[in-house]
């Protein structure tokens, strides 16, 4: 199972700034890049994902 998060960056953000923001999210939140779409107006629609880790109930 995956958990998804969608982020939109306006065209005012440079490529370097977007990269730094996504790297920080990946390092601290465990997210990985799934998809990037650049619209005609220059906005970036980014989809991030991370694995959902479910804990199992164990009885001793």
C-alpha atoms as a PDB file:
ATOM      1  CA  UNK A   1       0.000   0.000   0.000  1.00  0.00           C
ATOM      2  CA  UNK A   2       1.148   3.508  -0.822  1.00  0.00           C
ATOM      3  CA  UNK A   3       0.244   6.889   0.605  1.00  0.00           C
ATOM      4  CA  UNK A   4       0.197   9.756  -1.900  1.00  0.00           C
ATOM      5  CA  UNK A   5       0.661  13.500  -1.508  1.00  0.00           C
ATOM      6  CA  UNK A   6       0.154  16.078  -4.244  1.00  0.00           C
ATOM      7  CA  UNK A   7       2.126  19.331  -4.227  1.00  0.00           C
ATOM      8  CA  UNK A   8       1.782  22.249  -6.651  1.00  0.00           C
ATOM      9  CA  UNK A   9       4.623  24.709  -7.248  1.00  0.00           C
ATOM     10  CA  UNK A  10       3.978  27.954  -9.088  1.00  0.00           C
ATOM     11  CA  UNK A  11       6.183  29.062 -11.962  1.00  0.00           C
ATOM     12  CA  UNK A  12       7.920  31.623  -9.731  1.00  0.00           C
ATOM     13  CA  UNK A  13       9.893  28.837  -8.025  1.00  0.00           C
ATOM     14  CA  UNK A  14      13.107  27.985  -9.853  1.00  0.00           C
ATOM     15  CA  UNK A  15      14.049  24.417 -10.640  1.00  0.00           C
ATOM     16  CA  UNK A  16      16.784  24.483  -7.979  1.00  0.00           C
ATOM     17  CA  UNK A  17      14.402  25.649  -5.257  1.00  0.00           C
ATOM     18  CA  UNK A  18      11.825  22.993  -6.148  1.00  0.00           C
ATOM     19  CA  UNK A  19      14.555  20.350  -6.068  1.00  0.00           C
ATOM     20  CA  UNK A  20      15.739  21.464  -2.620  1.00  0.00           C
ATOM     21  CA  UNK A  21      12.186  21.471  -1.237  1.00  0.00           C
ATOM     22  CA  UNK A  22      11.486  17.972  -2.576  1.00  0.00           C
ATOM     23  CA  UNK A  23      14.809  16.613  -1.283  1.00  0.00           C
ATOM     24  CA  UNK A  24      14.042  17.982   2.174  1.00  0.00           C
ATOM     25  CA  UNK A  25      10.608  16.342   2.137  1.00  0.00           C
ATOM     26  CA  UNK A  26      12.149  13.060   1.037  1.00  0.00           C
ATOM     27  CA  UNK A  27      14.798  13.092   3.767  1.00  0.00           C
ATOM     28  CA  UNK A  28      12.526  14.062   6.642  1.00  0.00           C
ATOM     29  CA  UNK A  29       9.218  12.517   5.630  1.00  0.00           C
ATOM     30  CA  UNK A  30      10.244   9.378   3.794  1.00  0.00           C
ATOM     31  CA  UNK A  31       8.605  10.507   0.536  1.00  0.00           C
ATOM     32  CA  UNK A  32       9.788   9.531  -2.931  1.00  0.00           C
ATOM     33  CA  UNK A  33       9.016  11.124  -6.256  1.00  0.00           C
ATOM     34  CA  UNK A  34       6.230   9.448  -8.210  1.00  0.00           C
ATOM     35  CA  UNK A  35       5.336  11.914 -10.974  1.00  0.00           C
ATOM     36  CA  UNK A  36       6.047  15.474 -12.117  1.00  0.00           C
ATOM     37  CA  UNK A  37       3.824  17.259 -14.604  1.00  0.00           C
ATOM     38  CA  UNK A  38       4.634  20.709 -15.913  1.00  0.00           C
ATOM     39  CA  UNK A  39       1.566  22.575 -17.143  1.00  0.00           C
ATOM     40  CA  UNK A  40       1.473  24.999 -20.066  1.00  0.00           C
ATOM     41  CA  UNK A  41       1.480  27.952 -17.647  1.00  0.00           C
ATOM     42  CA  UNK A  42       4.666  26.674 -15.973  1.00  0.00           C
ATOM     43  CA  UNK A  43       3.224  25.278 -12.750  1.00  0.00           C
ATOM     44  CA  UNK A  44       4.633  21.982 -11.537  1.00  0.00           C
ATOM     45  CA  UNK A  45       2.253  19.336 -10.210  1.00  0.00           C
ATOM     46  CA  UNK A  46       4.263  16.854  -8.199  1.00  0.00           C
ATOM     47  CA  UNK A  47       2.998  13.562  -6.812  1.00  0.00           C
ATOM     48  CA  UNK A  48       4.958  12.034  -3.941  1.00  0.00           C
ATOM     49  CA  UNK A  49       4.476   8.609  -2.429  1.00  0.00           C
ATOM     50  CA  UNK A  50       5.626   6.606   0.553  1.00  0.00           C
ATOM     51  CA  UNK A  51       5.075   3.067   1.702  1.00  0.00           C
ATOM     52  CA  UNK A  52       2.449   2.511   4.382  1.00  0.00           C
ATOM     53  CA  UNK A  53       3.910   0.275   7.044  1.00  0.00           C
ATOM     54  CA  UNK A  54       1.235  -1.566   8.976  1.00  0.00           C
ATOM     55  CA  UNK A  55       2.018  -3.039  12.342  1.00  0.00           C
ATOM     56  CA  UNK A  56       0.663  -6.432  13.165  1.00  0.00           C
ATOM     57  CA  UNK A  57      -0.812  -7.204  16.530  1.00  0.00           C
ATOM     58  CA  UNK A  58       1.113  -9.996  18.177  1.00  0.00           C
ATOM     59  CA  UNK A  59       0.013 -11.877  21.244  1.00  0.00           C
ATOM     60  CA  UNK A  60       2.579 -13.485  23.479  1.00  0.00           C
END
